[in-house]
């Protein structure tokens, strides 16, 4: 479980809400394409992790989980969420 905007969310809830899981060693990233407005905070925040021209476009292990979680928290739409596994 993780805290996103003061709410505790489980993997099961995120998957049920239409998020796709990108699994990493220390952090799992969840993305909901239907919520995304392509603001680009993720790509500008860490292009090693988030790269739209690549498949898969999210590689959670390409950055430290602390920084990745900070970038995800800048997503204004809630299209990105995470679950840290290193705590």
PDB file of N, CA and C in Angstrom:
ATOM      1  N   UNK A   1       0.837  -1.188   0.000  1.00  0.00           N
ATOM      2  CA  UNK A   1       0.000   0.000   0.000  1.00  0.00           C
ATOM      3  C   UNK A   1       0.877   1.244   0.000  1.00  0.00           C
ATOM      4  N   UNK A   2       0.337   2.306  -0.520  1.00  0.00           N
ATOM      5  CA  UNK A   2       1.066   3.563  -0.546  1.00  0.00           C
ATOM      6  C   UNK A   2       0.139   4.716  -0.211  1.00  0.00           C
ATOM      7  N   UNK A   3       0.734   5.791   0.202  1.00  0.00           N
ATOM      8  CA  UNK A   3      -0.045   6.993   0.471  1.00  0.00           C
ATOM      9  C   UNK A   3       0.084   7.939  -0.710  1.00  0.00           C
ATOM     10  N   UNK A   4      -1.007   8.229  -1.354  1.00  0.00           N
ATOM     11  CA  UNK A   4      -1.067   9.175  -2.452  1.00  0.00           C
ATOM     12  C   UNK A   4      -2.114  10.210  -2.076  1.00  0.00           C
ATOM     13  N   UNK A   5      -1.697  11.448  -1.989  1.00  0.00           N
ATOM     14  CA  UNK A   5      -2.622  12.525  -1.639  1.00  0.00           C
ATOM     15  C   UNK A   5      -3.441  12.170  -0.399  1.00  0.00           C
ATOM     16  N   UNK A   6      -2.732  11.672   0.630  1.00  0.00           N
ATOM     17  CA  UNK A   6      -3.338  11.368   1.923  1.00  0.00           C
ATOM     18  C   UNK A   6      -4.258  10.150   1.915  1.00  0.00           C
ATOM     19  N   UNK A   7      -4.353   9.414   0.812  1.00  0.00           N
ATOM     20  CA  UNK A   7      -5.226   8.242   0.760  1.00  0.00           C
ATOM     21  C   UNK A   7      -4.372   6.990   0.598  1.00  0.00           C
ATOM     22  N   UNK A   8      -4.719   5.931   1.306  1.00  0.00           N
ATOM     23  CA  UNK A   8      -4.023   4.662   1.176  1.00  0.00           C
ATOM     24  C   UNK A   8      -4.678   3.862   0.054  1.00  0.00           C
ATOM     25  N   UNK A   9      -3.847   3.366  -0.867  1.00  0.00           N
ATOM     26  CA  UNK A   9      -4.339   2.670  -2.043  1.00  0.00           C
ATOM     27  C   UNK A   9      -3.618   1.336  -2.161  1.00  0.00           C
ATOM     28  N   UNK A  10      -4.349   0.292  -2.495  1.00  0.00           N
ATOM     29  CA  UNK A  10      -3.727  -1.015  -2.684  1.00  0.00           C
ATOM     30  C   UNK A  10      -3.568  -1.307  -4.172  1.00  0.00           C
ATOM     31  N   UNK A  11      -2.706  -2.254  -4.485  1.00  0.00           N
ATOM     32  CA  UNK A  11      -2.510  -2.674  -5.872  1.00  0.00           C
ATOM     33  C   UNK A  11      -3.818  -3.169  -6.472  1.00  0.00           C
ATOM     34  N   UNK A  12      -4.560  -3.932  -5.718  1.00  0.00           N
ATOM     35  CA  UNK A  12      -5.834  -4.471  -6.212  1.00  0.00           C
ATOM     36  C   UNK A  12      -6.795  -3.352  -6.588  1.00  0.00           C
ATOM     37  N   UNK A  13      -6.858  -2.305  -5.766  1.00  0.00           N
ATOM     38  CA  UNK A  13      -7.745  -1.180  -6.058  1.00  0.00           C
ATOM     39  C   UNK A  13      -7.313  -0.446  -7.320  1.00  0.00           C
ATOM     40  N   UNK A  14      -6.002  -0.235  -7.455  1.00  0.00           N
ATOM     41  CA  UNK A  14      -5.498   0.463  -8.638  1.00  0.00           C
ATOM     42  C   UNK A  14      -5.792  -0.330  -9.912  1.00  0.00           C
ATOM     43  N   UNK A  15      -5.552  -1.633  -9.882  1.00  0.00           N
ATOM     44  CA  UNK A  15      -5.823  -2.462 -11.054  1.00  0.00           C
ATOM     45  C   UNK A  15      -7.316  -2.470 -11.382  1.00  0.00           C
ATOM     46  N   UNK A  16      -8.158  -2.514 -10.355  1.00  0.00           N
ATOM     47  CA  UNK A  16      -9.602  -2.490 -10.565  1.00  0.00           C
ATOM     48  C   UNK A  16     -10.068  -1.159 -11.155  1.00  0.00           C
ATOM     49  N   UNK A  17      -9.316  -0.083 -10.888  1.00  0.00           N
ATOM     50  CA  UNK A  17      -9.655   1.244 -11.409  1.00  0.00           C
ATOM     51  C   UNK A  17      -9.089   1.491 -12.804  1.00  0.00           C
ATOM     52  N   UNK A  18      -8.459   0.478 -13.400  1.00  0.00           N
ATOM     53  CA  UNK A  18      -7.978   0.595 -14.766  1.00  0.00           C
ATOM     54  C   UNK A  18      -6.516   0.977 -14.920  1.00  0.00           C
ATOM     55  N   UNK A  19      -5.764   0.970 -13.829  1.00  0.00           N
ATOM     56  CA  UNK A  19      -4.334   1.271 -13.904  1.00  0.00           C
ATOM     57  C   UNK A  19      -3.577   0.055 -14.408  1.00  0.00           C
ATOM     58  N   UNK A  20      -2.510   0.293 -15.165  1.00  0.00           N
ATOM     59  CA  UNK A  20      -1.606  -0.764 -15.605  1.00  0.00           C
ATOM     60  C   UNK A  20      -0.368  -0.718 -14.719  1.00  0.00           C
ATOM     61  N   UNK A  21       0.122  -1.887 -14.347  1.00  0.00           N
ATOM     62  CA  UNK A  21       1.264  -1.983 -13.444  1.00  0.00           C
ATOM     63  C   UNK A  21       2.564  -2.139 -14.213  1.00  0.00           C
ATOM     64  N   UNK A  22       3.558  -1.345 -13.808  1.00  0.00           N
ATOM     65  CA  UNK A  22       4.936  -1.461 -14.299  1.00  0.00           C
ATOM     66  C   UNK A  22       5.777  -1.810 -13.081  1.00  0.00           C
ATOM     67  N   UNK A  23       6.206  -3.054 -12.984  1.00  0.00           N
ATOM     68  CA  UNK A  23       6.874  -3.558 -11.787  1.00  0.00           C
ATOM     69  C   UNK A  23       8.366  -3.251 -11.809  1.00  0.00           C
ATOM     70  N   UNK A  24       8.872  -2.845 -10.641  1.00  0.00           N
ATOM     71  CA  UNK A  24      10.300  -2.618 -10.455  1.00  0.00           C
ATOM     72  C   UNK A  24      10.781  -3.329  -9.205  1.00  0.00           C
ATOM     73  N   UNK A  25      12.076  -3.258  -8.963  1.00  0.00           N
ATOM     74  CA  UNK A  25      12.652  -3.895  -7.781  1.00  0.00           C
ATOM     75  C   UNK A  25      12.227  -3.198  -6.494  1.00  0.00           C
ATOM     76  N   UNK A  26      12.242  -1.853  -6.494  1.00  0.00           N
ATOM     77  CA  UNK A  26      11.968  -1.104  -5.264  1.00  0.00           C
ATOM     78  C   UNK A  26      10.695  -0.282  -5.320  1.00  0.00           C
ATOM     79  N   UNK A  27      10.123  -0.152  -6.514  1.00  0.00           N
ATOM     80  CA  UNK A  27       8.887   0.620  -6.666  1.00  0.00           C
ATOM     81  C   UNK A  27       8.087   0.057  -7.833  1.00  0.00           C
ATOM     82  N   UNK A  28       6.783  -0.044  -7.647  1.00  0.00           N
ATOM     83  CA  UNK A  28       5.878  -0.389  -8.736  1.00  0.00           C
ATOM     84  C   UNK A  28       5.151   0.892  -9.137  1.00  0.00           C
ATOM     85  N   UNK A  29       5.081   1.136 -10.440  1.00  0.00           N
ATOM     86  CA  UNK A  29       4.414   2.323 -10.957  1.00  0.00           C
ATOM     87  C   UNK A  29       3.132   1.882 -11.640  1.00  0.00           C
ATOM     88  N   UNK A  30       2.077   2.637 -11.408  1.00  0.00           N
ATOM     89  CA  UNK A  30       0.768   2.347 -11.979  1.00  0.00           C
ATOM     90  C   UNK A  30       0.345   3.539 -12.832  1.00  0.00           C
ATOM     91  N   UNK A  31      -0.174   3.247 -14.030  1.00  0.00           N
ATOM     92  CA  UNK A  31      -0.541   4.290 -14.985  1.00  0.00           C
ATOM     93  C   UNK A  31      -1.934   4.027 -15.528  1.00  0.00           C
ATOM     94  N   UNK A  32      -2.752   5.077 -15.545  1.00  0.00           N
ATOM     95  CA  UNK A  32      -4.103   4.988 -16.095  1.00  0.00           C
ATOM     96  C   UNK A  32      -4.179   5.916 -17.308  1.00  0.00           C
ATOM     97  N   UNK A  33      -4.150   5.334 -18.507  1.00  0.00           N
ATOM     98  CA  UNK A  33      -4.128   6.124 -19.740  1.00  0.00           C
ATOM     99  C   UNK A  33      -5.386   6.968 -19.923  1.00  0.00           C
ATOM    100  N   UNK A  34      -6.503   6.526 -19.360  1.00  0.00           N
ATOM    101  CA  UNK A  34      -7.745   7.270 -19.508  1.00  0.00           C
ATOM    102  C   UNK A  34      -7.765   8.549 -18.676  1.00  0.00           C
ATOM    103  N   UNK A  35      -6.912   8.623 -17.667  1.00  0.00           N
ATOM    104  CA  UNK A  35      -6.851   9.816 -16.812  1.00  0.00           C
ATOM    105  C   UNK A  35      -5.781  10.800 -17.283  1.00  0.00           C
ATOM    106  N   UNK A  36      -4.843  10.321 -18.061  1.00  0.00           N
ATOM    107  CA  UNK A  36      -3.681  11.122 -18.459  1.00  0.00           C
ATOM    108  C   UNK A  36      -4.090  12.252 -19.404  1.00  0.00           C
ATOM    109  N   UNK A  37      -3.601  13.453 -19.112  1.00  0.00           N
ATOM    110  CA  UNK A  37      -3.824  14.610 -19.982  1.00  0.00           C
ATOM    111  C   UNK A  37      -2.522  15.054 -20.640  1.00  0.00           C
ATOM    112  N   UNK A  38      -1.480  14.242 -20.558  1.00  0.00           N
ATOM    113  CA  UNK A  38      -0.201  14.473 -21.232  1.00  0.00           C
ATOM    114  C   UNK A  38       0.425  15.812 -20.864  1.00  0.00           C
ATOM    115  N   UNK A  39       0.370  16.145 -19.586  1.00  0.00           N
ATOM    116  CA  UNK A  39       0.996  17.363 -19.084  1.00  0.00           C
ATOM    117  C   UNK A  39       2.513  17.269 -19.224  1.00  0.00           C
ATOM    118  N   UNK A  40       3.067  16.089 -19.029  1.00  0.00           N
ATOM    119  CA  UNK A  40       4.488  15.854 -19.256  1.00  0.00           C
ATOM    120  C   UNK A  40       5.392  16.011 -18.052  1.00  0.00           C
ATOM    121  N   UNK A  41       4.841  16.194 -16.854  1.00  0.00           N
ATOM    122  CA  UNK A  41       5.680  16.312 -15.655  1.00  0.00           C
ATOM    123  C   UNK A  41       6.547  15.077 -15.457  1.00  0.00           C
ATOM    124  N   UNK A  42       6.019  13.929 -15.804  1.00  0.00           N
ATOM    125  CA  UNK A  42       6.771  12.679 -15.614  1.00  0.00           C
ATOM    126  C   UNK A  42       7.995  12.639 -16.525  1.00  0.00           C
ATOM    127  N   UNK A  43       7.805  12.928 -17.786  1.00  0.00           N
ATOM    128  CA  UNK A  43       8.908  12.877 -18.751  1.00  0.00           C
ATOM    129  C   UNK A  43       9.956  13.934 -18.418  1.00  0.00           C
ATOM    130  N   UNK A  44       9.502  15.142 -18.102  1.00  0.00           N
ATOM    131  CA  UNK A  44      10.448  16.200 -17.718  1.00  0.00           C
ATOM    132  C   UNK A  44      11.112  15.905 -16.384  1.00  0.00           C
ATOM    133  N   UNK A  45      10.409  15.201 -15.523  1.00  0.00           N
ATOM    134  CA  UNK A  45      10.939  14.897 -14.197  1.00  0.00           C
ATOM    135  C   UNK A  45      12.009  13.822 -14.200  1.00  0.00           C
ATOM    136  N   UNK A  46      11.866  12.818 -15.067  1.00  0.00           N
ATOM    137  CA  UNK A  46      12.871  11.761 -15.171  1.00  0.00           C
ATOM    138  C   UNK A  46      12.671  11.000 -16.477  1.00  0.00           C
ATOM    139  N   UNK A  47      13.376  11.444 -17.510  1.00  0.00           N
ATOM    140  CA  UNK A  47      13.237  10.841 -18.839  1.00  0.00           C
ATOM    141  C   UNK A  47      13.832   9.442 -18.919  1.00  0.00           C
ATOM    142  N   UNK A  48      14.649   9.054 -17.944  1.00  0.00           N
ATOM    143  CA  UNK A  48      15.179   7.691 -17.923  1.00  0.00           C
ATOM    144  C   UNK A  48      14.090   6.693 -17.530  1.00  0.00           C
ATOM    145  N   UNK A  49      13.181   7.117 -16.683  1.00  0.00           N
ATOM    146  CA  UNK A  49      12.088   6.259 -16.228  1.00  0.00           C
ATOM    147  C   UNK A  49      10.884   6.370 -17.164  1.00  0.00           C
ATOM    148  N   UNK A  50      10.541   7.591 -17.546  1.00  0.00           N
ATOM    149  CA  UNK A  50       9.350   7.864 -18.359  1.00  0.00           C
ATOM    150  C   UNK A  50       9.777   8.365 -19.740  1.00  0.00           C
ATOM    151  N   UNK A  51       9.584   7.539 -20.765  1.00  0.00           N
ATOM    152  CA  UNK A  51       9.964   7.910 -22.133  1.00  0.00           C
ATOM    153  C   UNK A  51       8.880   7.421 -23.076  1.00  0.00           C
ATOM    154  N   UNK A  52       8.103   8.356 -23.614  1.00  0.00           N
ATOM    155  CA  UNK A  52       6.927   7.984 -24.405  1.00  0.00           C
ATOM    156  C   UNK A  52       7.255   7.283 -25.717  1.00  0.00           C
ATOM    157  N   UNK A  53       8.446   7.443 -26.254  1.00  0.00           N
ATOM    158  CA  UNK A  53       8.796   6.802 -27.508  1.00  0.00           C
ATOM    159  C   UNK A  53       9.327   5.389 -27.363  1.00  0.00           C
ATOM    160  N   UNK A  54       9.332   4.868 -26.160  1.00  0.00           N
ATOM    161  CA  UNK A  54       9.911   3.553 -25.869  1.00  0.00           C
ATOM    162  C   UNK A  54       8.795   2.605 -25.423  1.00  0.00           C
ATOM    163  N   UNK A  55       8.988   1.325 -25.631  1.00  0.00           N
ATOM    164  CA  UNK A  55       8.052   0.311 -25.130  1.00  0.00           C
ATOM    165  C   UNK A  55       8.816  -0.682 -24.286  1.00  0.00           C
ATOM    166  N   UNK A  56       8.476  -0.922 -23.049  1.00  0.00           N
ATOM    167  CA  UNK A  56       7.465  -0.159 -22.318  1.00  0.00           C
ATOM    168  C   UNK A  56       7.952   1.263 -22.045  1.00  0.00           C
ATOM    169  N   UNK A  57       7.031   2.171 -21.941  1.00  0.00           N
ATOM    170  CA  UNK A  57       7.408   3.572 -21.791  1.00  0.00           C
ATOM    171  C   UNK A  57       7.793   3.919 -20.348  1.00  0.00           C
ATOM    172  N   UNK A  58       7.455   3.048 -19.402  1.00  0.00           N
ATOM    173  CA  UNK A  58       7.843   3.245 -18.000  1.00  0.00           C
ATOM    174  C   UNK A  58       8.784   2.122 -17.583  1.00  0.00           C
ATOM    175  N   UNK A  59       9.980   2.493 -17.107  1.00  0.00           N
ATOM    176  CA  UNK A  59      10.961   1.541 -16.579  1.00  0.00           C
ATOM    177  C   UNK A  59      11.283   1.958 -15.140  1.00  0.00           C
ATOM    178  N   UNK A  60      10.572   1.391 -14.163  1.00  0.00           N
ATOM    179  CA  UNK A  60      10.720   1.820 -12.768  1.00  0.00           C
ATOM    180  C   UNK A  60      12.147   1.733 -12.223  1.00  0.00           C
ATOM    181  N   UNK A  61      12.937   0.790 -12.685  1.00  0.00           N
ATOM    182  CA  UNK A  61      14.281   0.596 -12.145  1.00  0.00           C
ATOM    183  C   UNK A  61      15.322   1.538 -12.747  1.00  0.00           C
ATOM    184  N   UNK A  62      14.913   2.436 -13.634  1.00  0.00           N
ATOM    185  CA  UNK A  62      15.858   3.373 -14.248  1.00  0.00           C
ATOM    186  C   UNK A  62      16.105   4.622 -13.406  1.00  0.00           C
ATOM    187  N   UNK A  63      15.623   4.627 -12.185  1.00  0.00           N
ATOM    188  CA  UNK A  63      15.853   5.764 -11.293  1.00  0.00           C
ATOM    189  C   UNK A  63      15.632   5.357  -9.857  1.00  0.00           C
ATOM    190  N   UNK A  64      16.209   6.122  -8.918  1.00  0.00           N
ATOM    191  CA  UNK A  64      16.008   5.811  -7.501  1.00  0.00           C
ATOM    192  C   UNK A  64      14.544   6.009  -7.088  1.00  0.00           C
ATOM    193  N   UNK A  65      14.013   5.067  -6.333  1.00  0.00           N
ATOM    194  CA  UNK A  65      12.589   5.088  -5.989  1.00  0.00           C
ATOM    195  C   UNK A  65      12.174   6.381  -5.286  1.00  0.00           C
ATOM    196  N   UNK A  66      13.065   6.966  -4.501  1.00  0.00           N
ATOM    197  CA  UNK A  66      12.727   8.229  -3.824  1.00  0.00           C
ATOM    198  C   UNK A  66      12.438   9.325  -4.849  1.00  0.00           C
ATOM    199  N   UNK A  67      13.289   9.433  -5.851  1.00  0.00           N
ATOM    200  CA  UNK A  67      13.085  10.453  -6.880  1.00  0.00           C
ATOM    201  C   UNK A  67      11.881  10.121  -7.756  1.00  0.00           C
ATOM    202  N   UNK A  68      11.728   8.861  -8.118  1.00  0.00           N
ATOM    203  CA  UNK A  68      10.592   8.446  -8.947  1.00  0.00           C
ATOM    204  C   UNK A  68       9.272   8.780  -8.251  1.00  0.00           C
ATOM    205  N   UNK A  69       9.185   8.511  -6.961  1.00  0.00           N
ATOM    206  CA  UNK A  69       7.949   8.816  -6.222  1.00  0.00           C
ATOM    207  C   UNK A  69       7.695  10.320  -6.181  1.00  0.00           C
ATOM    208  N   UNK A  70       8.750  11.116  -6.072  1.00  0.00           N
ATOM    209  CA  UNK A  70       8.586  12.581  -6.084  1.00  0.00           C
ATOM    210  C   UNK A  70       8.055  13.052  -7.434  1.00  0.00           C
ATOM    211  N   UNK A  71       8.577  12.502  -8.517  1.00  0.00           N
ATOM    212  CA  UNK A  71       8.108  12.860  -9.860  1.00  0.00           C
ATOM    213  C   UNK A  71       6.641  12.465 -10.021  1.00  0.00           C
ATOM    214  N   UNK A  72       6.293  11.272  -9.609  1.00  0.00           N
ATOM    215  CA  UNK A  72       4.901  10.806  -9.733  1.00  0.00           C
ATOM    216  C   UNK A  72       3.958  11.716  -8.963  1.00  0.00           C
ATOM    217  N   UNK A  73       4.385  12.196  -7.811  1.00  0.00           N
ATOM    218  CA  UNK A  73       3.534  13.082  -7.016  1.00  0.00           C
ATOM    219  C   UNK A  73       3.309  14.438  -7.660  1.00  0.00           C
ATOM    220  N   UNK A  74       4.028  14.757  -8.740  1.00  0.00           N
ATOM    221  CA  UNK A  74       3.783  16.010  -9.464  1.00  0.00           C
ATOM    222  C   UNK A  74       2.735  15.855 -10.554  1.00  0.00           C
ATOM    223  N   UNK A  75       2.267  14.640 -10.778  1.00  0.00           N
ATOM    224  CA  UNK A  75       1.246  14.395 -11.801  1.00  0.00           C
ATOM    225  C   UNK A  75      -0.072  15.034 -11.363  1.00  0.00           C
ATOM    226  N   UNK A  76      -0.551  16.039 -12.102  1.00  0.00           N
ATOM    227  CA  UNK A  76      -1.749  16.759 -11.660  1.00  0.00           C
ATOM    228  C   UNK A  76      -3.056  15.993 -11.860  1.00  0.00           C
ATOM    229  N   UNK A  77      -3.043  14.939 -12.672  1.00  0.00           N
ATOM    230  CA  UNK A  77      -4.288  14.240 -12.984  1.00  0.00           C
ATOM    231  C   UNK A  77      -4.517  12.986 -12.152  1.00  0.00           C
ATOM    232  N   UNK A  78      -3.474  12.484 -11.499  1.00  0.00           N
ATOM    233  CA  UNK A  78      -3.600  11.229 -10.775  1.00  0.00           C
ATOM    234  C   UNK A  78      -3.449  10.020 -11.671  1.00  0.00           C
ATOM    235  N   UNK A  79      -3.011  10.224 -12.915  1.00  0.00           N
ATOM    236  CA  UNK A  79      -2.837   9.117 -13.844  1.00  0.00           C
ATOM    237  C   UNK A  79      -1.683   8.205 -13.446  1.00  0.00           C
ATOM    238  N   UNK A  80      -0.756   8.724 -12.657  1.00  0.00           N
ATOM    239  CA  UNK A  80       0.375   7.937 -12.166  1.00  0.00           C
ATOM    240  C   UNK A  80       0.269   7.767 -10.661  1.00  0.00           C
ATOM    241  N   UNK A  81       0.507   6.551 -10.209  1.00  0.00           N
ATOM    242  CA  UNK A  81       0.543   6.240  -8.779  1.00  0.00           C
ATOM    243  C   UNK A  81       1.691   5.263  -8.567  1.00  0.00           C
ATOM    244  N   UNK A  82       2.052   5.038  -7.323  1.00  0.00           N
ATOM    245  CA  UNK A  82       3.167   4.138  -7.051  1.00  0.00           C
ATOM    246  C   UNK A  82       2.955   3.400  -5.742  1.00  0.00           C
ATOM    247  N   UNK A  83       3.659   2.292  -5.630  1.00  0.00           N
ATOM    248  CA  UNK A  83       3.763   1.537  -4.378  1.00  0.00           C
ATOM    249  C   UNK A  83       5.229   1.268  -4.162  1.00  0.00           C
ATOM    250  N   UNK A  84       5.772   1.815  -3.075  1.00  0.00           N
ATOM    251  CA  UNK A  84       7.180   1.612  -2.737  1.00  0.00           C
ATOM    252  C   UNK A  84       7.342   0.247  -2.080  1.00  0.00           C
ATOM    253  N   UNK A  85       8.389  -0.469  -2.449  1.00  0.00           N
ATOM    254  CA  UNK A  85       8.661  -1.780  -1.882  1.00  0.00           C
ATOM    255  C   UNK A  85       9.926  -1.762  -1.002  1.00  0.00           C
ATOM    256  N   UNK A  86      10.580  -0.607  -0.941  1.00  0.00           N
ATOM    257  CA  UNK A  86      11.836  -0.506  -0.211  1.00  0.00           C
ATOM    258  C   UNK A  86      11.688   0.139   1.154  1.00  0.00           C
ATOM    259  N   UNK A  87      10.486   0.152   1.670  1.00  0.00           N
ATOM    260  CA  UNK A  87      10.253   0.729   3.003  1.00  0.00           C
ATOM    261  C   UNK A  87       9.717  -0.304   3.940  1.00  0.00           C
TER     262      UNK A  87
END
